[in-house]
Amino acid sequence: MTNDGENGRDVLVLLGGAGDLALRMLLPSLYFLEVDRLLSHDLRIVAVARGEGDGASYKALVREQLGKRATVEEAAWNRLAARLDYLSVDMTKDEGAAKLAERVGEHGSLVVYFALSPSLYGPVCNALQSAGLTGPKSRLVLEKPIGRDLESSRKTNAAVGAVVGEEQIFRIDHYLGKETVQNLTALRFANVLFEPLWDRNTIDHVQITIAETEKVGDRWPYYDEYGALRDMVQNHMLQLLCLVAMEAPSGFDPDAMRDEKVKVLRSLRPFNKDTVAHDTVRGQYVAGVVEGGAREGYLQEVGKATKTETFVAMKVAIDNWRWDGVPFFLRTGKNLPDRRTQIVVQFKALPHNIFGQATDGDLFSNRLVIDLQPDENIVLTLMNKRPGLSEEGMRLQSLPLSLSFSQSGGRRRIAYEKLFLDVFRGDRTLFVRRDEVEQAWKFIDGVSAAWAAANIEPAPYAAGTWGPHSSAGLISPGGRAWKA
């Protein structure tokens, strides 16, 4: 943030400052930025929550949480602690916002981070406006999901847009702050090598997997309302799909990048009652074993009968020239065997094999694998001659070529670190525009409506497996398979 030096210090307000997101991700991100001295010297941080407490008790809580993630450098912590303040108020009320305004006082730039339920965005925005905290120097950072469907998303966006301009709104999807996601953009648009091959002529299919070993746990009241389709596919998965499928933007600026992503979302072929039955899989976990430990089923966790899906897989078509006939396979779920966020770009097989039986197994098609978590890496699989002499002549093998841009041995940054810096600078390139959110909801609402029309209920899958058996059948035509 840039302070003009005449109207007080810059201020970051964390609404929901005592919640899980703030303590587990946001404040550690700010701490690491403090370690690297990337925060403005005059930045103040005001955490706001309903819980009772004062500045001293809150700092002790934050210090405890930081210790669970890393060895805390005392000098950096002391600098961060000197910035921190805590305020216990109800921000849906005008009197709560008035107390915040009093605590903020004269200020330069003001960033208000909504680590809150989206249902509170409207009332909080109205209260902020009544307290004079939505002026031209204010920036509002909104966490996903923005609404539960297209209608509620429009209402939420309208409520926020009534108090600040679109250029002041930063809708966050933390996946866009990951180093490897940004490297995907560089890989595609900063190299002449890949872009001519990035279409239906050379790519057979694309897989996007976001797998979690965690159960729903304490999040079940939220999760049971949203399910895997709304919680993961609508935002994270569609954003990754857009970055893989988008055309080259006219420049690396916010509107040019987001214009191209919207074009992809508009090109997604909608599902209907007939196609949803064989092109999607909906699942819900039952009792099983994950990472060596027994897990109970979803219904036992939530304590009631519910048809909420904890697993989704789908075959998505993009109706444009570049991707005609190239399926995009998406899958995400809870209580799966492996924690993984991964994009697999599978290239087509060679039209003719000149080597005959000279390979150790099959002549594997080239494959680009982009890992986002738990490790960040980009690997291109190539066929290569096996070293040495052989009576049988040339022998080939499949070898990985690492294209990772990360520095080995360095700390892996939290995605929110990058996004915080971009908010402070006013750079909206890695944030989601209103029409992006609403176009994604339009597609997701179509999936949900098609499930209802076709009476598609979640199929059971044992915790610790890769979803219902039909998930493998979704991708298997043409000899395809999910990457193990």
Protein backbone atom coordinates (compact mmCIF):
# COMPACT_ATOMS: atom_id res chain seq x y z
CA MET A 1 0.00 0.00 0.00
CA THR A 2 1.11 3.51 -0.69
CA ASN A 3 0.65 6.10 1.99
CA ASP A 4 0.55 9.75 0.98
CA GLY A 5 2.13 10.60 4.31
CA GLU A 6 -0.56 13.09 5.32
CA ASN A 7 -3.55 11.01 6.43
CA GLY A 8 -2.18 8.48 8.92
CA ARG A 9 -0.85 4.96 8.62
CA ASP A 10 -2.01 2.24 6.24
CA VAL A 11 -4.36 -0.24 7.90
CA LEU A 12 -5.24 -3.88 7.28
CA VAL A 13 -8.46 -5.00 8.99
CA LEU A 14 -8.95 -8.77 9.38
CA LEU A 15 -12.65 -9.49 9.87
CA GLY A 16 -12.95 -12.94 11.39
CA GLY A 17 -9.49 -12.41 12.84
CA ALA A 18 -9.86 -15.19 15.43
CA GLY A 19 -11.18 -17.76 12.95
CA ASP A 20 -9.45 -20.79 11.46
CA LEU A 21 -8.51 -19.12 8.16
CA ALA A 22 -6.97 -16.10 9.85
CA LEU A 23 -4.97 -18.08 12.41
CA ARG A 24 -3.92 -20.91 10.09
CA MET A 25 -3.17 -19.01 6.87
CA LEU A 26 -3.54 -15.23 6.93
CA LEU A 27 -1.51 -14.31 10.01
CA PRO A 28 1.28 -16.81 9.22
CA SER A 29 1.45 -15.25 5.75
CA LEU A 30 1.79 -11.80 7.28
CA TYR A 31 4.44 -13.12 9.66
CA PHE A 32 6.55 -14.53 6.81
CA LEU A 33 6.20 -11.25 4.91
CA GLU A 34 7.45 -9.58 8.07
CA VAL A 35 10.41 -11.96 8.20
CA ASP A 36 11.34 -10.88 4.67
CA ARG A 37 10.60 -7.22 5.50
CA LEU A 38 8.06 -6.96 2.68
CA LEU A 39 5.38 -5.19 4.72
CA SER A 40 5.12 -1.43 4.60
CA HIS A 41 6.90 0.04 7.61
CA ASP A 42 3.81 1.96 8.71
CA LEU A 43 1.21 -0.82 8.25
CA ARG A 44 -1.16 -1.43 11.18
CA ILE A 45 -3.16 -4.68 11.51
CA VAL A 46 -6.50 -4.68 13.33
CA ALA A 47 -8.04 -8.12 13.89
CA VAL A 48 -11.78 -8.06 14.48
CA ALA A 49 -13.92 -10.86 15.91
CA ARG A 50 -16.93 -11.33 18.17
CA GLY A 51 -15.03 -13.27 20.83
CA GLU A 52 -14.02 -11.56 24.03
CA GLY A 53 -10.39 -10.68 24.45
CA ASP A 54 -7.81 -7.94 24.26
CA GLY A 55 -4.63 -7.22 22.36
CA ALA A 56 -2.40 -9.15 24.75
CA SER A 57 -4.47 -12.36 24.72
CA TYR A 58 -4.87 -12.18 20.96
CA LYS A 59 -1.14 -11.79 20.38
CA ALA A 60 -0.52 -14.78 22.64
CA LEU A 61 -2.97 -16.83 20.54
CA VAL A 62 -1.31 -15.79 17.28
CA ARG A 63 2.15 -16.53 18.68
CA GLU A 64 0.99 -20.01 19.70
CA GLN A 65 -0.42 -20.72 16.24
CA LEU A 66 2.75 -19.54 14.51
CA GLY A 67 4.79 -21.90 16.65
CA LYS A 68 2.82 -24.83 15.23
CA ARG A 69 3.94 -23.93 11.70
CA ALA A 70 7.54 -22.82 12.03
CA THR A 71 10.33 -21.82 14.36
CA VAL A 72 9.46 -18.24 15.18
CA GLU A 73 12.14 -15.59 14.78
CA GLU A 74 11.71 -13.36 17.79
CA ALA A 75 12.81 -10.17 16.03
CA ALA A 76 10.28 -10.68 13.24
CA TRP A 77 7.56 -11.64 15.70
CA ASN A 78 8.20 -8.54 17.80
CA ARG A 79 7.85 -6.36 14.70
CA LEU A 80 4.58 -8.09 13.74
CA ALA A 81 3.24 -7.95 17.30
CA ALA A 82 3.88 -4.21 17.39
CA ARG A 83 1.53 -3.86 14.41
CA LEU A 84 -1.24 -6.06 15.83
CA ASP A 85 -4.38 -4.85 17.53
CA TYR A 86 -7.60 -6.66 18.45
CA LEU A 87 -11.19 -5.45 18.59
CA SER A 88 -14.18 -7.45 19.82
CA VAL A 89 -17.32 -6.22 18.03
CA ASP A 90 -20.22 -7.43 15.88
CA MET A 91 -19.44 -6.05 12.43
CA THR A 92 -22.97 -6.63 11.13
CA LYS A 93 -24.11 -3.77 13.38
CA ASP A 94 -23.57 -0.07 12.76
CA GLU A 95 -22.28 0.39 16.32
CA GLY A 96 -19.66 -2.31 15.75
CA ALA A 97 -18.42 -0.63 12.58
CA ALA A 98 -18.38 2.72 14.38
CA LYS A 99 -16.06 1.27 17.04
CA LEU A 100 -13.82 -0.08 14.28
CA ALA A 101 -13.71 3.33 12.61
CA GLU A 102 -12.73 4.86 15.91
CA ARG A 103 -9.96 2.27 16.37
CA VAL A 104 -8.70 2.75 12.79
CA GLY A 105 -8.71 6.54 13.12
CA GLU A 106 -6.96 8.66 10.53
CA HIS A 107 -5.47 6.34 7.95
CA GLY A 108 -3.89 6.08 4.55
CA SER A 109 -4.93 3.09 2.48
CA LEU A 110 -7.42 0.73 4.14
CA VAL A 111 -7.70 -2.98 3.29
CA VAL A 112 -10.63 -4.88 4.81
CA TYR A 113 -10.28 -8.66 4.56
CA PHE A 114 -13.55 -10.60 4.82
CA ALA A 115 -12.58 -13.93 6.46
CA LEU A 116 -16.28 -14.39 7.14
CA SER A 117 -19.26 -16.37 5.94
CA PRO A 118 -20.45 -14.88 2.61
CA SER A 119 -23.91 -14.52 4.12
CA LEU A 120 -22.48 -11.68 6.24
CA TYR A 121 -20.92 -9.72 3.38
CA GLY A 122 -23.98 -7.56 2.71
CA PRO A 123 -24.71 -6.51 6.32
CA VAL A 124 -21.02 -5.90 7.02
CA CYS A 125 -20.63 -3.76 3.89
CA ASN A 126 -23.62 -1.64 4.92
CA ALA A 127 -22.14 -1.18 8.38
CA LEU A 128 -18.74 -0.24 6.96
CA GLN A 129 -20.38 2.34 4.72
CA SER A 130 -22.30 3.83 7.64
CA ALA A 131 -19.01 4.21 9.51
CA GLY A 132 -17.29 5.92 6.60
CA LEU A 133 -14.91 3.00 5.90
CA THR A 134 -15.74 2.47 2.22
CA GLY A 135 -14.16 5.54 0.68
CA PRO A 136 -11.87 5.71 -2.36
CA LYS A 137 -8.86 4.54 -0.30
CA SER A 138 -10.60 1.32 0.75
CA ARG A 139 -10.09 -2.15 -0.76
CA LEU A 140 -12.32 -5.07 0.16
CA VAL A 141 -10.93 -8.62 -0.05
CA LEU A 142 -13.63 -11.29 -0.35
CA GLU A 143 -13.06 -14.98 0.37
CA LYS A 144 -14.82 -17.67 -1.65
CA PRO A 145 -17.45 -18.85 -2.13
CA ILE A 146 -19.27 -15.74 -3.33
CA GLY A 147 -22.79 -17.07 -2.83
CA ARG A 148 -24.21 -20.58 -3.07
CA ASP A 149 -25.63 -20.29 -6.59
CA LEU A 150 -25.97 -17.70 -9.34
CA GLU A 151 -28.88 -15.88 -7.68
CA SER A 152 -27.23 -15.55 -4.26
CA SER A 153 -23.90 -14.66 -5.91
CA ARG A 154 -25.54 -11.79 -7.76
CA LYS A 155 -27.15 -10.55 -4.55
CA THR A 156 -23.85 -10.71 -2.66
CA ASN A 157 -21.92 -8.99 -5.44
CA ALA A 158 -24.61 -6.33 -5.69
CA ALA A 159 -24.45 -5.68 -1.94
CA VAL A 160 -20.67 -5.23 -2.04
CA GLY A 161 -20.79 -3.27 -5.29
CA ALA A 162 -23.27 -0.84 -3.74
CA VAL A 163 -20.63 0.50 -1.32
CA VAL A 164 -17.39 0.37 -3.38
CA GLY A 165 -16.43 0.27 -7.06
CA GLU A 166 -15.44 -2.96 -8.83
CA GLU A 167 -11.83 -1.74 -8.97
CA GLN A 168 -11.81 -1.78 -5.14
CA ILE A 169 -12.98 -5.41 -4.83
CA PHE A 170 -10.46 -8.28 -4.65
CA ARG A 171 -12.21 -11.67 -4.85
CA ILE A 172 -9.62 -14.15 -3.71
CA ASP A 173 -8.94 -17.70 -4.81
CA HIS A 174 -5.74 -18.70 -3.04
CA TYR A 175 -4.88 -21.28 -5.71
CA LEU A 176 -4.06 -18.38 -8.04
CA GLY A 177 -1.34 -17.28 -5.63
CA LYS A 178 0.53 -20.58 -5.85
CA GLU A 179 3.93 -20.32 -7.51
CA THR A 180 3.32 -23.24 -9.85
CA VAL A 181 -0.02 -21.83 -11.06
CA GLN A 182 1.78 -18.65 -12.08
CA ASN A 183 4.53 -20.75 -13.65
CA LEU A 184 1.87 -22.40 -15.81
CA THR A 185 1.10 -18.99 -17.30
CA ALA A 186 4.80 -18.36 -17.87
CA LEU A 187 5.28 -21.82 -19.36
CA ARG A 188 2.52 -21.27 -21.89
CA PHE A 189 2.99 -17.65 -22.86
CA ALA A 190 6.72 -17.00 -22.37
CA ASN A 191 7.92 -19.95 -24.46
CA VAL A 192 7.46 -20.58 -28.17
CA LEU A 193 7.91 -24.32 -27.57
CA PHE A 194 4.56 -25.18 -25.98
CA GLU A 195 1.97 -22.81 -27.38
CA PRO A 196 1.89 -24.25 -30.96
CA LEU A 197 1.26 -27.69 -29.42
CA TRP A 198 -1.39 -26.53 -26.96
CA ASP A 199 -4.57 -27.53 -28.79
CA ARG A 200 -6.76 -30.35 -30.13
CA ASN A 201 -4.13 -31.40 -32.70
CA THR A 202 -1.58 -32.66 -30.16
CA ILE A 203 -3.36 -32.93 -26.79
CA ASP A 204 -5.48 -36.02 -26.11
CA HIS A 205 -7.03 -34.93 -22.80
CA VAL A 206 -6.45 -32.94 -19.62
CA GLN A 207 -6.89 -34.16 -16.03
CA ILE A 208 -7.34 -31.86 -13.03
CA THR A 209 -7.35 -33.51 -9.61
CA ILE A 210 -7.81 -31.93 -6.19
CA ALA A 211 -7.69 -34.82 -3.73
CA GLU A 212 -7.89 -34.47 0.04
CA THR A 213 -7.19 -37.10 2.67
CA GLU A 214 -9.02 -35.05 5.29
CA LYS A 215 -12.56 -35.81 6.36
CA VAL A 216 -15.14 -33.03 6.51
CA GLY A 217 -14.82 -32.84 10.30
CA ASP A 218 -15.89 -29.69 12.11
CA ARG A 219 -16.66 -27.94 8.81
CA TRP A 220 -19.71 -30.13 8.23
CA PRO A 221 -22.38 -27.41 8.85
CA TYR A 222 -20.88 -25.36 6.01
CA TYR A 223 -19.92 -28.32 3.87
CA ASP A 224 -23.31 -30.00 4.10
CA GLU A 225 -24.87 -26.89 2.59
CA TYR A 226 -22.36 -26.60 -0.26
CA GLY A 227 -20.91 -30.03 -1.04
CA ALA A 228 -17.90 -30.78 -3.20
CA LEU A 229 -19.45 -29.29 -6.36
CA ARG A 230 -19.92 -25.82 -4.87
CA ASP A 231 -16.99 -25.92 -2.44
CA MET A 232 -14.27 -26.97 -4.89
CA VAL A 233 -15.40 -27.23 -8.51
CA GLN A 234 -17.04 -23.80 -8.79
CA ASN A 235 -13.89 -21.93 -7.82
CA HIS A 236 -10.56 -23.80 -7.57
CA MET A 237 -11.12 -26.36 -10.31
CA LEU A 238 -12.71 -24.03 -12.83
CA GLN A 239 -9.96 -21.47 -12.25
CA LEU A 240 -7.30 -24.09 -12.99
CA LEU A 241 -9.23 -25.22 -16.05
CA CYS A 242 -9.36 -21.63 -17.31
CA LEU A 243 -5.60 -21.17 -16.93
CA VAL A 244 -4.94 -24.32 -18.94
CA ALA A 245 -7.51 -23.58 -21.65
CA MET A 246 -7.44 -19.79 -22.06
CA GLU A 247 -6.14 -17.99 -25.13
CA ALA A 248 -3.09 -15.74 -24.86
CA PRO A 249 -4.18 -12.41 -23.36
CA SER A 250 -3.22 -9.14 -25.03
CA GLY A 251 -1.03 -8.33 -22.04
CA PHE A 252 -0.30 -9.37 -18.46
CA ASP A 253 -2.79 -7.02 -16.89
CA PRO A 254 -5.93 -7.69 -14.81
CA ASP A 255 -8.65 -7.18 -17.42
CA ALA A 256 -6.81 -8.88 -20.29
CA MET A 257 -6.18 -12.02 -18.22
CA ARG A 258 -9.69 -12.17 -16.84
CA ASP A 259 -11.31 -11.47 -20.22
CA GLU A 260 -9.75 -14.68 -21.56
CA LYS A 261 -10.82 -16.72 -18.54
CA VAL A 262 -14.41 -15.56 -18.96
CA LYS A 263 -14.34 -16.68 -22.59
CA VAL A 264 -13.44 -20.20 -21.45
CA LEU A 265 -16.24 -20.26 -18.89
CA ARG A 266 -18.72 -19.16 -21.53
CA SER A 267 -17.51 -21.99 -23.79
CA LEU A 268 -18.15 -24.77 -21.26
CA ARG A 269 -20.76 -27.15 -22.65
CA PRO A 270 -23.68 -27.29 -20.21
CA PHE A 271 -24.90 -30.60 -18.83
CA ASN A 272 -28.47 -31.80 -19.25
CA LYS A 273 -30.56 -34.68 -17.93
CA ASP A 274 -29.15 -37.07 -20.55
CA THR A 275 -25.44 -36.19 -20.44
CA VAL A 276 -25.08 -35.76 -16.67
CA ALA A 277 -25.70 -39.46 -16.05
CA HIS A 278 -22.70 -40.71 -18.04
CA ASP A 279 -20.41 -37.64 -17.92
CA THR A 280 -20.43 -36.98 -14.16
CA VAL A 281 -19.92 -39.03 -10.99
CA ARG A 282 -21.31 -37.99 -7.63
CA GLY A 283 -20.14 -39.77 -4.47
CA GLN A 284 -20.32 -39.77 -0.67
CA TYR A 285 -17.81 -41.56 1.54
CA VAL A 286 -18.72 -44.38 3.88
CA ALA A 287 -16.55 -45.97 6.56
CA GLY A 288 -13.05 -46.99 5.52
CA VAL A 289 -9.34 -46.59 6.24
CA VAL A 290 -7.26 -43.49 5.40
CA GLU A 291 -3.51 -43.25 6.08
CA GLY A 292 -3.70 -46.31 8.32
CA GLY A 293 -6.54 -45.01 10.50
CA ALA A 294 -10.22 -45.94 10.57
CA ARG A 295 -12.65 -43.29 9.35
CA GLU A 296 -16.39 -43.24 9.86
CA GLY A 297 -18.80 -42.45 7.06
CA TYR A 298 -20.07 -38.98 6.21
CA LEU A 299 -23.56 -39.68 7.54
CA GLN A 300 -22.11 -40.74 10.89
CA GLU A 301 -19.99 -37.58 10.98
CA VAL A 302 -22.87 -35.19 10.42
CA GLY A 303 -25.36 -37.25 12.41
CA LYS A 304 -28.22 -37.06 9.95
CA ALA A 305 -29.38 -38.33 6.57
CA THR A 306 -28.15 -36.09 3.77
CA LYS A 307 -27.50 -36.36 0.05
CA THR A 308 -24.52 -33.98 0.04
CA GLU A 309 -21.72 -35.16 -2.25
CA THR A 310 -18.16 -35.44 -0.92
CA PHE A 311 -16.76 -36.51 -4.31
CA VAL A 312 -17.28 -35.21 -7.83
CA ALA A 313 -15.78 -36.31 -11.13
CA MET A 314 -16.85 -34.98 -14.50
CA LYS A 315 -15.96 -34.96 -18.16
CA VAL A 316 -16.10 -31.36 -19.36
CA ALA A 317 -16.17 -30.19 -22.98
CA ILE A 318 -15.04 -26.75 -24.14
CA ASP A 319 -16.86 -25.72 -27.29
CA ASN A 320 -14.31 -23.66 -29.19
CA TRP A 321 -11.83 -24.25 -32.02
CA ARG A 322 -8.77 -24.85 -29.83
CA TRP A 323 -10.32 -27.55 -27.66
CA ASP A 324 -12.94 -29.19 -29.88
CA GLY A 325 -12.95 -32.91 -29.07
CA VAL A 326 -10.48 -32.64 -26.13
CA PRO A 327 -12.10 -33.80 -22.87
CA PHE A 328 -11.18 -32.17 -19.56
CA PHE A 329 -11.56 -34.64 -16.69
CA LEU A 330 -12.07 -33.11 -13.24
CA ARG A 331 -12.19 -34.94 -9.91
CA THR A 332 -12.16 -33.83 -6.29
CA GLY A 333 -13.13 -35.39 -3.02
CA LYS A 334 -12.68 -35.90 0.71
CA ASN A 335 -11.23 -38.97 2.45
CA LEU A 336 -9.24 -40.01 -0.62
CA PRO A 337 -6.01 -42.09 -0.44
CA ASP A 338 -3.65 -39.27 -1.38
CA ARG A 339 -3.43 -35.51 -0.87
CA ARG A 340 -2.80 -34.05 -4.28
CA THR A 341 -3.56 -31.05 -6.46
CA GLN A 342 -2.40 -31.82 -9.96
CA ILE A 343 -2.91 -30.92 -13.61
CA VAL A 344 -2.03 -33.55 -16.22
CA VAL A 345 -1.78 -32.57 -19.88
CA GLN A 346 -1.71 -35.82 -21.84
CA PHE A 347 -0.40 -35.50 -25.39
CA LYS A 348 -1.53 -37.78 -28.19
CA ALA A 349 0.27 -40.97 -29.17
CA LEU A 350 2.76 -40.99 -32.04
CA PRO A 351 1.08 -41.62 -35.39
CA HIS A 352 3.68 -44.32 -36.16
CA ASN A 353 6.23 -46.17 -34.04
CA ILE A 354 9.49 -46.65 -35.95
CA PHE A 355 11.17 -48.45 -33.03
CA GLY A 356 9.02 -51.55 -32.99
CA GLN A 357 9.68 -53.55 -29.79
CA ALA A 358 12.71 -51.49 -28.76
CA THR A 359 10.99 -49.94 -25.76
CA ASP A 360 10.98 -51.17 -22.18
CA GLY A 361 7.23 -51.62 -22.21
CA ASP A 362 5.05 -49.24 -24.17
CA LEU A 363 6.09 -46.23 -26.21
CA PHE A 364 4.59 -43.74 -23.78
CA SER A 365 2.98 -40.57 -25.03
CA ASN A 366 4.45 -37.30 -23.77
CA ARG A 367 2.81 -35.97 -20.65
CA LEU A 368 3.11 -32.67 -18.78
CA VAL A 369 2.37 -32.98 -15.05
CA ILE A 370 1.91 -29.83 -12.98
CA ASP A 371 1.90 -30.49 -9.22
CA LEU A 372 0.53 -27.76 -6.97
CA GLN A 373 0.46 -29.59 -3.64
CA PRO A 374 1.81 -31.08 -1.48
CA ASP A 375 4.91 -30.39 -3.60
CA GLU A 376 5.12 -27.79 -6.36
CA ASN A 377 6.74 -29.05 -9.53
CA ILE A 378 6.37 -29.22 -13.31
CA VAL A 379 7.53 -32.40 -15.04
CA LEU A 380 7.54 -33.25 -18.75
CA THR A 381 7.73 -36.97 -19.54
CA LEU A 382 9.83 -37.77 -22.64
CA MET A 383 11.00 -40.93 -24.37
CA ASN A 384 14.78 -41.33 -24.28
CA LYS A 385 17.39 -43.91 -25.33
CA ARG A 386 18.44 -46.14 -22.48
CA PRO A 387 22.25 -45.67 -21.94
CA GLY A 388 24.57 -48.55 -22.77
CA LEU A 389 24.93 -51.32 -25.33
CA SER A 390 22.39 -53.99 -26.16
CA GLU A 391 22.36 -56.99 -28.44
CA GLU A 392 18.81 -56.05 -29.33
CA GLY A 393 19.79 -52.61 -30.59
CA MET A 394 18.33 -49.34 -29.36
CA ARG A 395 16.29 -49.52 -26.16
CA LEU A 396 14.02 -46.67 -25.11
CA GLN A 397 12.73 -45.59 -21.75
CA SER A 398 10.37 -42.96 -20.37
CA LEU A 399 12.14 -40.27 -18.34
CA PRO A 400 10.87 -37.19 -16.48
CA LEU A 401 12.32 -33.77 -17.27
CA SER A 402 11.78 -31.36 -14.39
CA LEU A 403 10.72 -27.88 -15.42
CA SER A 404 10.22 -26.62 -11.89
CA PHE A 405 11.16 -22.99 -11.35
CA SER A 406 11.29 -23.36 -7.57
CA GLN A 407 14.62 -23.15 -5.79
CA SER A 408 15.49 -26.40 -4.08
CA GLY A 409 15.82 -26.14 -0.34
CA GLY A 410 13.99 -22.82 -0.07
CA ARG A 411 10.89 -22.27 2.00
CA ARG A 412 7.67 -22.94 0.18
CA ARG A 413 5.64 -19.79 0.39
CA ILE A 414 2.00 -19.69 1.44
CA ALA A 415 -0.10 -18.60 -1.54
CA TYR A 416 -1.67 -15.83 0.55
CA GLU A 417 1.71 -14.09 0.86
CA LYS A 418 1.72 -13.23 -2.84
CA LEU A 419 -1.95 -12.27 -2.78
CA PHE A 420 -1.52 -9.97 0.22
CA LEU A 421 1.28 -8.11 -1.56
CA ASP A 422 -0.87 -7.76 -4.69
CA VAL A 423 -3.76 -6.33 -2.66
CA PHE A 424 -1.43 -3.83 -1.02
CA ARG A 425 -0.15 -2.81 -4.48
CA GLY A 426 -3.64 -2.67 -5.96
CA ASP A 427 -2.80 -5.36 -8.56
CA ARG A 428 -5.98 -7.36 -9.40
CA THR A 429 -4.44 -9.72 -11.98
CA LEU A 430 -4.65 -12.81 -9.76
CA PHE A 431 -8.10 -11.99 -8.41
CA VAL A 432 -11.49 -12.97 -9.78
CA ARG A 433 -13.81 -10.53 -11.51
CA ARG A 434 -17.54 -10.43 -10.88
CA ASP A 435 -18.53 -11.80 -14.29
CA GLU A 436 -16.06 -14.69 -13.80
CA VAL A 437 -17.76 -15.68 -10.56
CA GLU A 438 -21.23 -15.45 -12.02
CA GLN A 439 -20.36 -17.34 -15.21
CA ALA A 440 -18.85 -20.14 -13.10
CA TRP A 441 -22.01 -20.29 -10.99
CA LYS A 442 -24.12 -20.49 -14.14
CA PHE A 443 -22.24 -23.62 -15.19
CA ILE A 444 -22.39 -25.17 -11.70
CA ASP A 445 -26.11 -24.43 -11.35
CA GLY A 446 -26.59 -26.31 -14.62
CA VAL A 447 -24.81 -29.37 -13.19
CA SER A 448 -26.90 -29.24 -10.03
CA ALA A 449 -30.14 -28.86 -11.98
CA ALA A 450 -29.22 -31.74 -14.28
CA TRP A 451 -28.49 -33.97 -11.25
CA ALA A 452 -31.92 -33.13 -9.87
CA ALA A 453 -33.66 -33.74 -13.20
CA ALA A 454 -31.93 -37.12 -13.65
CA ASN A 455 -32.33 -38.02 -9.96
CA ILE A 456 -28.56 -38.53 -9.55
CA GLU A 457 -27.80 -39.27 -5.91
CA PRO A 458 -24.33 -39.73 -4.40
CA ALA A 459 -22.91 -43.22 -4.85
CA PRO A 460 -21.06 -44.65 -1.83
CA TYR A 461 -17.29 -45.04 -1.79
CA ALA A 462 -15.13 -46.33 1.03
CA ALA A 463 -12.94 -43.75 2.73
CA GLY A 464 -9.40 -44.30 1.49
CA THR A 465 -10.41 -45.14 -2.09
CA TRP A 466 -10.52 -43.02 -5.25
CA GLY A 467 -14.26 -42.44 -5.21
CA PRO A 468 -17.07 -44.55 -6.68
CA HIS A 469 -16.09 -47.25 -9.18
CA SER A 470 -17.82 -45.30 -11.94
CA SER A 471 -15.08 -42.64 -11.65
CA ALA A 472 -12.62 -45.00 -13.38
CA GLY A 473 -15.23 -45.77 -16.03
CA LEU A 474 -15.72 -42.06 -16.70
CA ILE A 475 -12.22 -41.68 -18.13
CA SER A 476 -11.51 -45.21 -19.42
CA PRO A 477 -12.96 -44.95 -22.98
CA GLY A 478 -10.12 -44.65 -25.47
CA GLY A 479 -7.72 -46.42 -23.10
CA ARG A 480 -7.41 -43.43 -20.79
CA ALA A 481 -6.84 -43.68 -17.04
CA TRP A 482 -6.46 -41.32 -14.09
CA LYS A 483 -2.80 -40.69 -13.27
CA ALA A 484 -1.91 -42.87 -10.28
